[in-house]
N, C-alpha and C. Protein backbone atom coordinates (compact mmCIF):
# COMPACT_ATOMS: atom_id res chain seq x y z
N MET A 1 78.56 95.66 112.26
CA MET A 1 79.70 95.11 112.46
C MET A 1 79.62 95.05 114.04
N SER A 2 80.95 93.90 114.46
CA SER A 2 80.58 93.80 116.03
C SER A 2 81.76 94.80 116.41
N LYS A 3 81.72 95.41 117.99
CA LYS A 3 82.48 96.13 118.45
C LYS A 3 83.78 95.33 118.90
N LEU A 4 84.71 96.77 118.54
CA LEU A 4 86.12 96.37 118.76
C LEU A 4 86.66 96.20 120.58
N ILE A 5 86.77 94.97 120.34
CA ILE A 5 87.14 94.78 122.04
C ILE A 5 88.73 95.14 122.13
N ILE A 6 89.36 96.30 122.77
CA ILE A 6 91.09 95.86 122.79
C ILE A 6 90.60 96.84 124.62
N GLU A 7 91.28 95.81 125.45
CA GLU A 7 91.27 95.81 126.73
C GLU A 7 92.19 97.05 127.12
N LYS A 8 91.88 97.89 128.12
CA LYS A 8 92.74 98.78 128.82
C LYS A 8 94.29 98.30 129.00
N GLU A 9 94.64 97.17 129.74
CA GLU A 9 95.77 96.68 130.03
C GLU A 9 96.65 96.11 128.79
N LEU A 10 95.96 95.73 127.51
CA LEU A 10 96.32 95.78 126.45
C LEU A 10 96.96 96.73 125.80
N VAL A 11 96.50 98.25 125.90
CA VAL A 11 96.66 99.30 125.35
C VAL A 11 97.65 100.08 125.91
N ASP A 12 97.82 99.68 127.33
CA ASP A 12 98.68 100.16 128.32
C ASP A 12 99.94 99.34 128.25
N SER A 13 99.83 97.98 127.72
CA SER A 13 101.48 97.48 127.15
C SER A 13 101.82 98.05 125.75
N LEU A 14 100.64 98.16 125.21
CA LEU A 14 101.40 98.65 123.80
C LEU A 14 102.08 100.35 124.25
N ARG A 15 101.60 100.99 124.93
CA ARG A 15 101.90 102.62 125.38
C ARG A 15 103.62 102.25 125.91
N ARG A 16 103.55 101.21 126.65
CA ARG A 16 105.17 100.86 126.96
C ARG A 16 106.49 100.18 126.10
N GLY A 17 105.76 99.63 125.00
CA GLY A 17 106.64 99.48 123.96
C GLY A 17 106.53 98.17 123.77
N ASN A 18 105.15 96.87 124.60
CA ASN A 18 105.15 95.55 124.14
C ASN A 18 104.71 95.36 123.25
N GLU A 19 105.92 94.58 121.85
CA GLU A 19 105.41 94.38 120.72
C GLU A 19 104.48 93.30 120.22
N MET A 20 104.25 92.35 122.06
CA MET A 20 103.00 91.22 121.63
C MET A 20 101.55 91.96 121.90
N ALA A 21 101.63 92.88 122.52
CA ALA A 21 100.37 93.80 122.95
C ALA A 21 100.41 94.20 121.41
N PHE A 22 101.28 95.06 120.72
CA PHE A 22 101.04 95.53 119.22
C PHE A 22 100.18 94.61 118.79
N GLU A 23 101.13 93.21 118.64
CA GLU A 23 100.72 92.57 117.65
C GLU A 23 99.04 91.58 117.90
N LEU A 24 98.97 91.70 118.77
CA LEU A 24 97.54 91.36 119.66
C LEU A 24 96.56 92.48 118.92
N ILE A 25 96.71 93.77 119.47
CA ILE A 25 96.10 94.43 118.53
C ILE A 25 95.66 94.42 117.50
N PHE A 26 96.50 94.35 116.81
CA PHE A 26 96.97 94.17 115.08
C PHE A 26 95.84 93.26 114.73
N HIS A 27 96.00 91.94 115.45
CA HIS A 27 95.05 90.58 114.70
C HIS A 27 93.47 90.82 114.96
N ARG A 28 93.55 91.55 116.43
CA ARG A 28 92.21 92.12 116.76
C ARG A 28 91.50 93.00 115.74
N SER A 29 92.17 94.10 115.25
CA SER A 29 91.62 95.22 114.68
C SER A 29 91.54 95.48 113.04
N LYS A 30 92.79 94.21 112.48
CA LYS A 30 93.05 94.68 111.29
C LYS A 30 91.67 94.48 110.33
N GLY A 31 90.74 93.39 110.57
CA GLY A 31 89.56 93.13 109.98
C GLY A 31 88.71 94.22 109.61
N LYS A 32 88.46 94.91 111.06
CA LYS A 32 87.25 95.45 110.88
C LYS A 32 88.04 96.76 110.02
N LEU A 33 89.51 97.19 110.54
CA LEU A 33 90.30 98.79 109.85
C LEU A 33 89.90 98.25 108.50
N LYS A 34 90.20 97.09 107.87
CA LYS A 34 90.00 97.01 106.54
C LYS A 34 88.87 96.90 106.09
N GLY A 35 87.68 96.61 106.67
CA GLY A 35 86.53 96.87 106.04
C GLY A 35 86.10 98.26 105.94
N PHE A 36 86.58 98.95 106.82
CA PHE A 36 86.29 100.70 106.82
C PHE A 36 87.00 101.00 105.54
N LEU A 37 88.41 100.44 105.27
CA LEU A 37 89.40 101.36 104.00
C LEU A 37 88.43 100.48 102.86
N LYS A 38 88.06 99.26 102.84
CA LYS A 38 87.12 98.87 101.51
C LYS A 38 86.03 100.17 101.12
N LYS A 39 85.36 100.28 102.24
CA LYS A 39 83.97 101.13 102.26
C LYS A 39 84.23 102.29 101.72
N VAL A 40 85.50 102.82 102.00
CA VAL A 40 85.82 104.64 101.87
C VAL A 40 86.76 105.12 100.93
N LEU A 41 87.67 104.08 100.54
CA LEU A 41 88.49 104.43 99.50
C LEU A 41 87.99 104.08 98.13
N PRO A 42 88.75 104.95 97.14
CA PRO A 42 88.18 104.57 95.71
C PRO A 42 88.73 102.77 95.35
N LYS A 43 88.41 102.44 94.63
CA LYS A 43 88.60 100.86 93.95
C LYS A 43 90.22 100.99 93.46
N ASP A 44 90.77 101.33 93.09
CA ASP A 44 92.43 101.65 92.60
C ASP A 44 93.46 101.89 93.70
N GLU A 45 92.72 101.71 95.03
CA GLU A 45 93.46 102.31 95.86
C GLU A 45 94.22 101.40 96.58
N ASP A 46 95.04 101.00 96.68
CA ASP A 46 95.90 99.59 97.72
C ASP A 46 95.46 100.09 99.00
N GLU A 47 94.46 99.37 99.75
CA GLU A 47 94.00 99.22 100.81
C GLU A 47 95.25 98.51 102.04
N GLU A 48 95.91 97.90 101.55
CA GLU A 48 96.85 96.70 102.09
C GLU A 48 98.28 97.81 102.66
N SER A 49 98.34 98.64 101.82
CA SER A 49 99.82 99.25 102.15
C SER A 49 99.18 100.44 103.12
N ILE A 50 98.37 101.11 102.80
CA ILE A 50 97.20 102.03 103.73
C ILE A 50 97.02 101.26 105.20
N LEU A 51 96.78 100.06 105.32
CA LEU A 51 96.56 99.82 106.85
C LEU A 51 97.94 99.55 106.73
N GLN A 52 98.95 98.86 106.42
CA GLN A 52 100.12 99.01 107.13
C GLN A 52 100.61 100.13 107.64
N GLU A 53 100.40 101.37 106.95
CA GLU A 53 100.73 102.75 107.29
C GLU A 53 100.25 102.85 108.76
N ILE A 54 98.89 102.87 108.99
CA ILE A 54 98.15 103.32 109.91
C ILE A 54 98.61 102.45 111.40
N TYR A 55 99.39 100.96 110.94
CA TYR A 55 99.50 100.64 111.77
C TYR A 55 101.32 100.84 112.62
N LEU A 56 101.54 101.10 111.44
CA LEU A 56 102.82 102.13 111.60
C LEU A 56 102.92 103.58 112.27
N LYS A 57 102.15 104.44 111.94
CA LYS A 57 101.57 105.17 112.73
C LYS A 57 101.47 105.26 114.05
N LEU A 58 100.62 104.01 114.32
CA LEU A 58 100.02 103.74 115.65
C LEU A 58 101.39 103.53 116.47
N TRP A 59 102.34 102.85 116.32
CA TRP A 59 103.41 102.19 116.57
C TRP A 59 104.09 103.35 117.10
N SER A 60 104.41 104.48 115.79
CA SER A 60 105.33 105.28 116.54
C SER A 60 104.90 106.30 117.35
N GLY A 61 103.47 106.65 117.50
CA GLY A 61 102.89 107.54 118.26
C GLY A 61 102.20 106.58 119.39
N ARG A 62 102.58 105.33 119.90
CA ARG A 62 102.21 104.73 120.89
C ARG A 62 102.12 105.29 122.49
N GLU A 63 103.36 106.15 122.31
CA GLU A 63 103.72 107.05 123.77
C GLU A 63 102.52 107.90 123.91
N SER A 64 101.86 108.53 122.62
CA SER A 64 100.85 109.72 123.53
C SER A 64 99.22 109.25 123.19
N ILE A 65 99.06 107.73 122.85
CA ILE A 65 97.93 107.18 123.68
C ILE A 65 97.21 107.57 124.22
N LYS A 66 96.53 108.12 125.02
CA LYS A 66 95.75 108.62 126.26
C LYS A 66 94.90 107.51 126.51
N ALA A 67 95.58 107.20 128.08
CA ALA A 67 94.82 105.94 128.52
C ALA A 67 93.54 106.07 128.78
N ASP A 68 92.71 107.48 129.28
CA ASP A 68 91.36 107.37 129.52
C ASP A 68 90.40 107.30 128.34
N LYS A 69 91.07 107.67 126.85
CA LYS A 69 90.33 107.79 125.90
C LYS A 69 90.18 106.47 125.16
N ASN A 70 88.73 106.41 124.22
CA ASN A 70 88.51 105.15 123.54
C ASN A 70 89.47 104.47 122.80
N PHE A 71 89.75 103.58 122.63
CA PHE A 71 91.19 103.31 121.60
C PHE A 71 91.12 102.75 120.57
N GLU A 72 89.48 102.19 120.00
CA GLU A 72 88.93 101.84 118.80
C GLU A 72 89.05 103.49 118.24
N THR A 73 88.15 104.60 118.98
CA THR A 73 88.03 106.22 118.59
C THR A 73 89.45 106.54 118.01
N TYR A 74 90.52 106.05 118.90
CA TYR A 74 92.07 106.70 118.41
C TYR A 74 91.95 105.90 116.89
N LEU A 75 92.14 104.83 116.99
CA LEU A 75 92.54 103.74 115.72
C LEU A 75 92.21 104.25 114.60
N PHE A 76 90.46 104.35 114.51
CA PHE A 76 90.22 104.51 113.55
C PHE A 76 90.30 106.15 112.95
N ALA A 77 90.22 107.46 114.16
CA ALA A 77 90.87 108.57 113.93
C ALA A 77 92.48 108.78 112.86
N ILE A 78 92.97 108.06 113.55
CA ILE A 78 94.13 107.54 112.20
C ILE A 78 93.58 107.21 111.13
N ALA A 79 93.12 105.90 110.83
CA ALA A 79 92.74 105.52 109.89
C ALA A 79 92.19 106.53 108.97
N ARG A 80 90.79 107.35 109.49
CA ARG A 80 90.69 108.35 108.90
C ARG A 80 91.09 109.56 108.43
N ASN A 81 92.42 109.96 109.47
CA ASN A 81 93.44 110.84 108.93
C ASN A 81 94.40 110.50 107.75
N MET A 82 94.17 109.26 107.35
CA MET A 82 94.72 108.65 106.41
C MET A 82 94.00 108.58 105.21
N VAL A 83 93.26 108.51 105.21
CA VAL A 83 92.17 108.56 104.02
C VAL A 83 91.83 109.67 103.57
N ILE A 84 91.89 110.58 104.44
CA ILE A 84 91.65 111.94 103.97
C ILE A 84 93.40 112.60 103.44
N ASP A 85 93.95 111.93 104.17
CA ASP A 85 95.36 112.33 102.98
C ASP A 85 95.96 111.81 101.86
N VAL A 86 94.99 110.50 101.40
CA VAL A 86 95.17 109.65 100.28
C VAL A 86 94.17 110.62 99.36
N MET A 87 93.09 110.84 99.90
CA MET A 87 92.23 111.61 98.75
C MET A 87 92.49 112.54 98.54
N ARG A 88 93.08 113.62 99.68
CA ARG A 88 93.70 115.22 99.21
C ARG A 88 94.84 114.78 98.08
N LYS A 89 95.43 113.97 98.22
CA LYS A 89 96.79 113.64 97.52
C LYS A 89 96.19 113.40 95.71
N LYS A 90 95.28 112.70 95.86
CA LYS A 90 94.55 112.28 94.60
C LYS A 90 93.73 113.11 94.10
N PHE A 91 93.14 114.15 95.10
CA PHE A 91 92.47 115.36 94.35
C PHE A 91 93.41 116.08 93.75
N HIS A 92 94.81 116.36 94.28
CA HIS A 92 95.94 117.31 93.98
C HIS A 92 96.37 117.06 92.42
N LYS A 93 96.68 115.58 92.69
CA LYS A 93 96.98 115.40 91.55
C LYS A 93 96.05 115.13 90.26
N GLN A 94 94.55 114.80 90.38
CA GLN A 94 93.97 114.86 89.29
C GLN A 94 93.61 116.51 89.16
N LYS A 95 93.58 117.54 90.10
CA LYS A 95 93.23 118.67 89.40
C LYS A 95 94.43 119.74 88.95
N TYR A 96 95.88 119.04 89.40
CA TYR A 96 97.29 119.31 88.64
C TYR A 96 97.29 119.14 86.95
N LEU A 97 96.81 117.89 86.83
CA LEU A 97 96.54 116.89 85.57
C LEU A 97 95.56 117.75 84.64
N GLU A 98 94.26 118.15 85.39
CA GLU A 98 93.72 119.05 84.36
C GLU A 98 93.85 120.58 84.47
N GLU A 99 94.47 120.83 84.77
CA GLU A 99 95.03 122.21 84.83
C GLU A 99 96.21 122.42 83.31
N LEU A 100 97.11 121.19 83.97
CA LEU A 100 97.95 121.37 82.70
C LEU A 100 97.43 121.15 81.39
N TYR A 101 96.84 120.25 81.44
CA TYR A 101 95.94 119.88 80.39
C TYR A 101 95.22 120.78 79.66
N ASN A 102 94.31 121.97 80.49
CA ASN A 102 93.66 122.60 80.16
C ASN A 102 94.63 124.00 79.65
N GLN A 103 95.71 124.04 80.11
CA GLN A 103 96.81 125.21 79.72
C GLN A 103 97.34 124.80 78.01
N LEU A 104 97.73 123.23 78.13
CA LEU A 104 98.00 122.77 76.92
C LEU A 104 97.21 122.76 75.92
N LYS A 105 95.99 122.59 75.99
CA LYS A 105 94.71 123.17 75.20
C LYS A 105 94.44 124.10 74.61
N ALA A 106 94.88 124.97 75.93
CA ALA A 106 94.76 126.87 75.33
C ALA A 106 95.97 127.08 74.09
N GLY A 107 97.35 126.68 74.27
CA GLY A 107 98.68 126.77 73.38
C GLY A 107 98.30 126.88 72.46
N SER A 108 97.43 126.03 71.36
CA SER A 108 97.58 126.46 70.04
C SER A 108 96.42 125.71 69.73
N LYS A 109 96.17 125.62 68.28
CA LYS A 109 95.13 124.87 67.69
C LYS A 109 95.56 123.60 67.81
N ASN A 110 96.75 123.58 67.05
CA ASN A 110 97.16 122.19 66.77
C ASN A 110 97.00 121.43 68.06
N ASN A 111 97.19 121.54 69.33
CA ASN A 111 97.89 120.79 70.69
C ASN A 111 95.78 120.55 70.95
N LEU A 112 94.65 121.12 70.71
CA LEU A 112 93.70 121.26 70.82
C LEU A 112 93.16 119.88 69.59
N ASP A 113 94.17 119.80 68.69
CA ASP A 113 93.61 118.33 67.74
C ASP A 113 94.15 117.22 68.14
N THR A 114 95.40 117.56 68.26
CA THR A 114 96.21 116.32 69.36
C THR A 114 95.82 116.07 70.24
N LEU A 115 94.78 116.79 71.24
CA LEU A 115 94.24 116.40 72.54
C LEU A 115 93.05 115.03 72.53
N ALA A 116 92.61 115.98 71.52
CA ALA A 116 91.51 114.79 71.01
C ALA A 116 91.30 114.07 70.51
N HIS A 117 92.81 113.30 70.41
CA HIS A 117 93.09 112.05 69.90
C HIS A 117 94.51 111.14 71.20
N VAL A 118 94.84 112.05 72.01
CA VAL A 118 95.59 111.65 72.90
C VAL A 118 94.98 111.21 73.97
N GLU A 119 94.70 109.77 74.79
CA GLU A 119 93.63 109.45 75.48
C GLU A 119 94.12 110.01 76.88
N TYR A 120 93.63 110.40 77.92
CA TYR A 120 94.20 110.90 78.93
C TYR A 120 95.40 110.33 79.83
N SER A 121 94.88 108.80 79.83
CA SER A 121 96.31 108.33 80.50
C SER A 121 96.99 108.14 79.39
N GLU A 122 97.32 107.90 78.66
CA GLU A 122 98.87 108.47 77.70
C GLU A 122 99.31 109.66 78.22
N LEU A 123 98.69 110.85 78.31
CA LEU A 123 98.98 111.81 78.64
C LEU A 123 99.26 111.97 80.04
N GLU A 124 98.61 111.55 80.79
CA GLU A 124 98.96 111.36 82.23
C GLU A 124 100.22 110.67 82.40
N ARG A 125 100.88 109.80 81.81
CA ARG A 125 101.97 108.45 81.83
C ARG A 125 103.10 109.36 81.21
N LYS A 126 102.44 110.17 80.20
CA LYS A 126 103.90 111.07 79.88
C LYS A 126 104.50 112.44 80.85
N ILE A 127 103.60 112.89 81.48
CA ILE A 127 103.71 113.98 82.44
C ILE A 127 104.70 113.34 83.26
N PHE A 128 104.05 111.93 84.02
CA PHE A 128 104.94 111.68 85.16
C PHE A 128 106.56 111.05 84.87
N GLU A 129 106.15 110.76 83.47
CA GLU A 129 107.36 110.37 82.95
C GLU A 129 108.51 111.56 82.80
N LEU A 130 107.69 112.53 82.64
CA LEU A 130 108.89 113.69 82.57
C LEU A 130 109.21 114.45 83.78
N ILE A 131 108.14 114.40 84.92
CA ILE A 131 108.23 114.85 86.25
C ILE A 131 109.75 114.01 86.67
N GLU A 132 109.83 112.51 86.10
CA GLU A 132 110.98 111.75 86.80
C GLU A 132 112.40 112.31 86.27
N GLN A 133 112.21 113.17 84.85
CA GLN A 133 113.28 113.29 84.71
C GLN A 133 114.03 114.58 85.10
N LEU A 134 113.10 115.07 86.21
CA LEU A 134 113.59 116.53 86.66
C LEU A 134 114.87 116.28 87.56
N PRO A 135 115.55 117.25 87.83
CA PRO A 135 117.11 117.07 88.82
C PRO A 135 115.92 116.70 90.30
N GLU A 136 116.75 115.95 91.12
CA GLU A 136 116.30 115.26 92.59
C GLU A 136 115.24 116.27 92.96
N GLN A 137 116.11 117.33 93.63
CA GLN A 137 115.33 118.46 94.05
C GLN A 137 114.21 119.47 93.75
N ARG A 138 114.26 119.52 92.46
CA ARG A 138 113.45 120.05 91.59
C ARG A 138 112.27 118.80 91.51
N GLN A 139 112.24 118.01 91.37
CA GLN A 139 111.12 116.93 91.33
C GLN A 139 110.55 116.69 92.72
N ILE A 140 111.58 116.91 93.87
CA ILE A 140 110.55 116.79 95.07
C ILE A 140 109.46 117.86 95.26
N ILE A 141 110.43 118.79 95.24
CA ILE A 141 109.53 120.36 95.58
C ILE A 141 108.33 120.16 94.50
N PHE A 142 108.36 119.92 93.30
CA PHE A 142 107.50 119.64 92.43
C PHE A 142 106.43 119.26 92.70
N LYS A 143 106.68 117.76 93.02
CA LYS A 143 105.42 116.96 93.37
C LYS A 143 104.89 116.97 94.97
N LEU A 144 105.72 117.62 95.71
CA LEU A 144 105.29 118.32 97.13
C LEU A 144 104.18 119.36 96.68
N ASN A 145 104.22 120.33 95.88
CA ASN A 145 103.37 120.92 95.16
C ASN A 145 102.31 121.01 94.53
N ARG A 146 102.43 119.96 93.55
CA ARG A 146 101.82 120.07 92.37
C ARG A 146 100.46 118.93 92.63
N ILE A 147 101.85 117.87 93.31
CA ILE A 147 100.88 116.72 94.00
C ILE A 147 100.35 116.22 95.27
N ASP A 148 100.98 116.45 96.11
CA ASP A 148 100.53 116.62 97.34
C ASP A 148 99.72 117.82 97.95
N GLY A 149 99.59 119.20 97.15
CA GLY A 149 99.44 120.19 97.48
C GLY A 149 99.92 121.10 98.83
N LEU A 150 101.29 120.69 99.12
CA LEU A 150 101.62 121.73 99.83
C LEU A 150 102.11 123.21 99.50
N THR A 151 101.89 124.10 100.12
CA THR A 151 101.96 125.29 99.90
C THR A 151 103.50 125.86 99.61
N TYR A 152 104.19 126.45 99.00
CA TYR A 152 105.34 127.21 98.53
C TYR A 152 106.27 127.18 100.47
N LYS A 153 105.30 128.01 101.51
CA LYS A 153 106.19 128.08 102.62
C LYS A 153 105.78 126.72 103.31
N GLU A 154 104.80 125.98 103.25
CA GLU A 154 104.92 124.41 103.70
C GLU A 154 106.32 123.50 103.34
N ILE A 155 106.77 123.87 102.07
CA ILE A 155 107.73 123.03 101.53
C ILE A 155 109.30 124.13 101.78
N ALA A 156 108.66 125.05 101.96
CA ALA A 156 110.43 125.79 102.34
C ALA A 156 110.86 125.18 103.83
N GLU A 157 109.54 125.49 104.55
CA GLU A 157 109.67 124.79 105.61
C GLU A 157 110.72 123.36 106.26
N LYS A 158 109.70 122.26 105.28
CA LYS A 158 109.96 120.87 105.16
C LYS A 158 111.30 120.77 104.96
N LEU A 159 111.47 121.49 103.70
CA LEU A 159 113.08 121.00 103.01
C LEU A 159 114.15 121.87 103.85
N GLU A 160 113.43 123.00 104.33
CA GLU A 160 114.65 123.95 105.36
C GLU A 160 115.51 124.71 103.80
N ILE A 161 114.54 125.42 103.07
CA ILE A 161 115.12 126.23 102.15
C ILE A 161 113.98 127.16 101.88
N SER A 162 114.50 128.28 101.30
CA SER A 162 113.49 129.58 101.27
C SER A 162 112.84 129.40 100.12
N GLU A 163 111.47 130.23 100.76
CA GLU A 163 110.20 130.17 99.34
C GLU A 163 111.00 130.62 98.07
N ASN A 164 111.76 131.41 97.94
CA ASN A 164 112.19 131.77 96.46
C ASN A 164 112.79 130.75 95.97
N THR A 165 113.74 129.63 96.98
CA THR A 165 114.17 128.67 96.05
C THR A 165 113.06 127.46 95.43
N VAL A 166 112.00 127.75 96.15
CA VAL A 166 110.39 126.40 96.03
C VAL A 166 110.31 127.30 94.61
N ASP A 167 109.55 128.64 94.65
CA ASP A 167 109.51 128.98 93.29
C ASP A 167 110.09 129.52 92.41
N SER A 168 111.19 129.23 92.36
CA SER A 168 112.27 129.13 91.55
C SER A 168 112.14 127.86 90.99
N GLN A 169 112.28 126.78 91.59
CA GLN A 169 112.68 125.25 91.17
C GLN A 169 111.02 125.09 90.63
N ILE A 170 109.91 125.68 91.26
CA ILE A 170 108.40 125.16 90.43
C ILE A 170 108.58 125.98 88.82
N ARG A 171 109.27 126.95 89.07
CA ARG A 171 109.13 127.66 87.76
C ARG A 171 109.89 126.91 86.23
N LYS A 172 111.00 126.62 86.91
CA LYS A 172 111.77 125.44 85.90
C LYS A 172 110.87 124.76 85.78
N ALA A 173 110.88 123.84 86.87
CA ALA A 173 109.93 122.61 86.36
C ALA A 173 108.66 122.86 85.08
N LEU A 174 107.82 123.88 85.57
CA LEU A 174 106.99 124.04 84.84
C LEU A 174 107.65 124.21 83.63
N THR A 175 108.42 125.03 83.07
CA THR A 175 109.16 125.36 81.55
C THR A 175 109.51 124.20 81.06
N PHE A 176 110.14 123.42 81.80
CA PHE A 176 110.59 122.34 80.97
C PHE A 176 109.13 121.27 80.80
N LEU A 177 108.17 120.96 81.69
CA LEU A 177 107.15 120.40 81.16
C LEU A 177 106.49 121.07 79.69
N ARG A 178 106.67 122.15 80.09
CA ARG A 178 105.85 122.41 78.78
C ARG A 178 106.11 122.24 77.37
N SER A 179 107.63 122.52 77.70
CA SER A 179 108.11 122.63 76.69
C SER A 179 108.23 121.10 75.97
N GLU A 180 108.33 120.37 76.95
CA GLU A 180 108.01 118.83 76.49
C GLU A 180 107.09 118.30 76.13
N MET A 181 106.19 118.49 76.75
CA MET A 181 104.59 118.21 76.22
C MET A 181 104.22 119.12 74.96
N LYS A 182 104.58 120.31 74.78
CA LYS A 182 104.19 120.76 73.34
C LYS A 182 105.07 119.67 72.31
N HIS A 183 106.53 119.18 72.72
CA HIS A 183 106.95 118.44 71.40
C HIS A 183 106.19 117.14 71.38
N PHE A 184 105.60 116.65 72.75
CA PHE A 184 105.14 115.34 72.53
C PHE A 184 103.98 115.75 71.98
N LEU A 185 103.09 116.63 72.18
CA LEU A 185 101.66 116.37 71.11
C LEU A 185 102.17 117.03 69.81
N SER A 186 103.05 117.87 69.69
CA SER A 186 103.53 117.70 67.78
C SER A 186 103.85 116.21 67.31
N LEU A 187 104.49 115.65 68.21
CA LEU A 187 104.98 114.46 67.67
C LEU A 187 103.71 113.37 67.25
N MET A 188 102.86 113.45 68.50
CA MET A 188 101.46 112.73 68.46
C MET A 188 101.01 113.01 66.97
N LEU A 189 100.99 114.16 66.74
CA LEU A 189 99.90 115.21 65.40
C LEU A 189 100.56 114.51 64.15
N LEU A 190 101.93 114.42 64.19
CA LEU A 190 102.64 113.81 63.06
C LEU A 190 102.47 112.73 62.76
N MET A 191 101.74 112.01 63.71
CA MET A 191 101.73 110.11 63.31
C MET A 191 100.28 110.02 63.20
N ASN A 192 99.55 111.46 63.53
CA ASN A 192 98.26 111.32 62.91
C ASN A 192 97.77 109.76 64.21
N ILE A 193 97.86 110.24 65.16
CA ILE A 193 96.77 109.09 66.27
C ILE A 193 95.43 109.00 66.06
């Protein structure tokens, strides 16, 4: 792969907020970044939207770019961190679904029989459909914890609420989800999937 050449003057112009410099950097680096994303991201990830996020981050953090540092290293550090974030979220989502799956499986013999018939993707679809039914704040808190992997403390700081509120909202969300999933599984059993 060819070396990415971004002149120091172009980077300085970007740091000062020059949109033309940003556009030039975008056109010179997007191919290489896209190739990197294609290599490291799972096939089902949308590299275009992640590419856009990388450039948004570059633009919003342009003033903190160090003039004496290698620009390519800086740009690819943004990309690497974005990929790590995407993978972390994917891991937490998968881990949460597996935990819920195991909890439901352990819940009753009927659930075990039903789960043998319900496809994982159908179960996942139903869980996320139920999450969307939660009250707005509860839904945000729940997603931040169970999908994004934030701790109660991090959520409390981010949303400027108490950790007790976070705990209470997650407990209520879990109670709702367990109850609704039991109904869903019972219905699947009755339908003899």
